[in-house]
Amino acid sequence: MSDMAIGYVLINVQPGTEQQVHREVKTLPHVTDATVLFGDHDLIVKLEADDLATIAKAVVEHIRAVEGVVDTKTLAGADLD
């Protein structure tokens, strides 16, 4: 069983900025994966940290600060084992 907190962030961006935002988000602290999506959201990002507070801080201070990001929705992962 892992003590690592996991979060997923659904991101919407300004049209035409998907690739630029994807490149930048991949370099941010706690980001372990980033994928461009087609549908209701433009990207999904996976974050791993020691706790959910650190994930929340990463979203607010880093992801939302990326130029082109217009909206985020953060989902907290749960370890049910």
C-alpha atoms as a PDB file:
ATOM      1  CA  MET A   1       0.000   0.000   0.000  1.00  0.00           C
ATOM      2  CA  SER A   2       1.309   3.420  -0.978  1.00  0.00           C
ATOM      3  CA  ASP A   3       1.132   6.542   1.175  1.00  0.00           C
ATOM      4  CA  MET A   4       1.384   8.704  -1.957  1.00  0.00           C
ATOM      5  CA  ALA A   5      -1.538  11.009  -2.752  1.00  0.00           C
ATOM      6  CA  ILE A   6      -2.734  10.975  -6.360  1.00  0.00           C
ATOM      7  CA  GLY A   7      -4.710  13.648  -8.141  1.00  0.00           C
ATOM      8  CA  TYR A   8      -6.012  14.070 -11.659  1.00  0.00           C
ATOM      9  CA  VAL A   9      -6.632  17.488 -13.163  1.00  0.00           C
ATOM     10  CA  LEU A  10      -8.944  18.019 -16.113  1.00  0.00           C
ATOM     11  CA  ILE A  11      -7.875  21.167 -17.928  1.00  0.00           C
ATOM     12  CA  ASN A  12      -9.561  23.388 -20.482  1.00  0.00           C
ATOM     13  CA  VAL A  13      -7.379  25.773 -22.479  1.00  0.00           C
ATOM     14  CA  GLN A  14      -7.755  28.617 -24.921  1.00  0.00           C
ATOM     15  CA  PRO A  15      -8.244  27.240 -28.453  1.00  0.00           C
ATOM     16  CA  GLY A  16      -4.934  26.698 -30.193  1.00  0.00           C
ATOM     17  CA  THR A  17      -2.840  26.493 -27.009  1.00  0.00           C
ATOM     18  CA  GLU A  18      -3.224  22.746 -26.379  1.00  0.00           C
ATOM     19  CA  GLN A  19       0.307  21.772 -27.431  1.00  0.00           C
ATOM     20  CA  GLN A  20       2.005  24.683 -25.654  1.00  0.00           C
ATOM     21  CA  VAL A  21       0.094  24.034 -22.419  1.00  0.00           C
ATOM     22  CA  HIS A  22       0.807  20.284 -22.673  1.00  0.00           C
ATOM     23  CA  ARG A  23       4.555  20.916 -23.055  1.00  0.00           C
ATOM     24  CA  GLU A  24       4.674  23.313 -20.113  1.00  0.00           C
ATOM     25  CA  VAL A  25       2.469  21.304 -17.749  1.00  0.00           C
ATOM     26  CA  LYS A  26       4.655  18.191 -18.191  1.00  0.00           C
ATOM     27  CA  THR A  27       7.573  20.071 -16.615  1.00  0.00           C
ATOM     28  CA  LEU A  28       5.732  21.227 -13.478  1.00  0.00           C
ATOM     29  CA  PRO A  29       6.385  19.868  -9.971  1.00  0.00           C
ATOM     30  CA  HIS A  30       4.473  16.693  -9.006  1.00  0.00           C
ATOM     31  CA  VAL A  31       3.225  16.070 -12.584  1.00  0.00           C
ATOM     32  CA  THR A  32       3.841  12.445 -13.539  1.00  0.00           C
ATOM     33  CA  ASP A  33       1.767  12.287 -16.747  1.00  0.00           C
ATOM     34  CA  ALA A  34      -0.075  14.628 -19.089  1.00  0.00           C
ATOM     35  CA  THR A  35      -2.290  13.680 -22.040  1.00  0.00           C
ATOM     36  CA  VAL A  36      -4.112  15.780 -24.627  1.00  0.00           C
ATOM     37  CA  LEU A  37      -7.801  14.821 -24.830  1.00  0.00           C
ATOM     38  CA  PHE A  38     -10.626  15.206 -27.323  1.00  0.00           C
ATOM     39  CA  GLY A  39     -14.035  15.897 -25.797  1.00  0.00           C
ATOM     40  CA  ASP A  40     -15.252  17.996 -22.878  1.00  0.00           C
ATOM     41  CA  HIS A  41     -11.705  18.669 -21.598  1.00  0.00           C
ATOM     42  CA  ASP A  42      -8.469  19.445 -23.423  1.00  0.00           C
ATOM     43  CA  LEU A  43      -5.908  17.769 -21.139  1.00  0.00           C
ATOM     44  CA  ILE A  44      -5.719  15.400 -18.205  1.00  0.00           C
ATOM     45  CA  VAL A  45      -2.767  15.613 -15.841  1.00  0.00           C
ATOM     46  CA  LYS A  46      -1.745  13.136 -13.147  1.00  0.00           C
ATOM     47  CA  LEU A  47      -0.042  14.471 -10.024  1.00  0.00           C
ATOM     48  CA  GLU A  48       1.632  12.557  -7.204  1.00  0.00           C
ATOM     49  CA  ALA A  49       2.644  14.075  -3.870  1.00  0.00           C
ATOM     50  CA  ASP A  50       2.909  13.280  -0.176  1.00  0.00           C
ATOM     51  CA  ASP A  51      -0.591  14.600   0.527  1.00  0.00           C
ATOM     52  CA  LEU A  52      -3.652  16.129  -1.124  1.00  0.00           C
ATOM     53  CA  ALA A  53      -2.799  19.579   0.219  1.00  0.00           C
ATOM     54  CA  THR A  54       0.405  19.539  -1.843  1.00  0.00           C
ATOM     55  CA  ILE A  55      -1.566  18.499  -4.920  1.00  0.00           C
ATOM     56  CA  ALA A  56      -4.061  21.323  -4.363  1.00  0.00           C
ATOM     57  CA  LYS A  57      -1.212  23.800  -3.986  1.00  0.00           C
ATOM     58  CA  ALA A  58       0.414  22.544  -7.214  1.00  0.00           C
ATOM     59  CA  VAL A  59      -2.850  23.065  -9.097  1.00  0.00           C
ATOM     60  CA  VAL A  60      -3.433  26.572  -7.749  1.00  0.00           C
ATOM     61  CA  GLU A  61       0.152  27.840  -7.888  1.00  0.00           C
ATOM     62  CA  HIS A  62       1.521  26.063 -10.965  1.00  0.00           C
ATOM     63  CA  ILE A  63      -1.085  24.585 -13.315  1.00  0.00           C
ATOM     64  CA  ARG A  64      -3.534  27.490 -13.167  1.00  0.00           C
ATOM     65  CA  ALA A  65      -0.640  29.893 -13.737  1.00  0.00           C
ATOM     66  CA  VAL A  66       0.210  28.371 -17.134  1.00  0.00           C
ATOM     67  CA  GLU A  67      -0.652  30.758 -19.957  1.00  0.00           C
ATOM     68  CA  GLY A  68      -3.607  29.387 -21.907  1.00  0.00           C
ATOM     69  CA  VAL A  69      -5.250  27.495 -19.025  1.00  0.00           C
ATOM     70  CA  VAL A  70      -8.812  28.748 -18.581  1.00  0.00           C
ATOM     71  CA  ASP A  71     -10.382  26.143 -16.266  1.00  0.00           C
ATOM     72  CA  THR A  72      -9.363  23.179 -14.107  1.00  0.00           C
ATOM     73  CA  LYS A  73     -11.222  20.427 -12.314  1.00  0.00           C
ATOM     74  CA  THR A  74      -9.254  18.428  -9.756  1.00  0.00           C
ATOM     75  CA  LEU A  75     -10.145  14.841  -8.866  1.00  0.00           C
ATOM     76  CA  ALA A  76      -8.602  13.164  -5.819  1.00  0.00           C
ATOM     77  CA  GLY A  77      -7.603   9.537  -6.210  1.00  0.00           C
ATOM     78  CA  ALA A  78      -8.461   7.017  -3.503  1.00  0.00           C
ATOM     79  CA  ASP A  79      -6.551   3.896  -2.467  1.00  0.00           C
ATOM     80  CA  LEU A  80      -9.240   1.376  -1.519  1.00  0.00           C
ATOM     81  CA  ASP A  81      -6.881  -1.483  -0.702  1.00  0.00           C
END
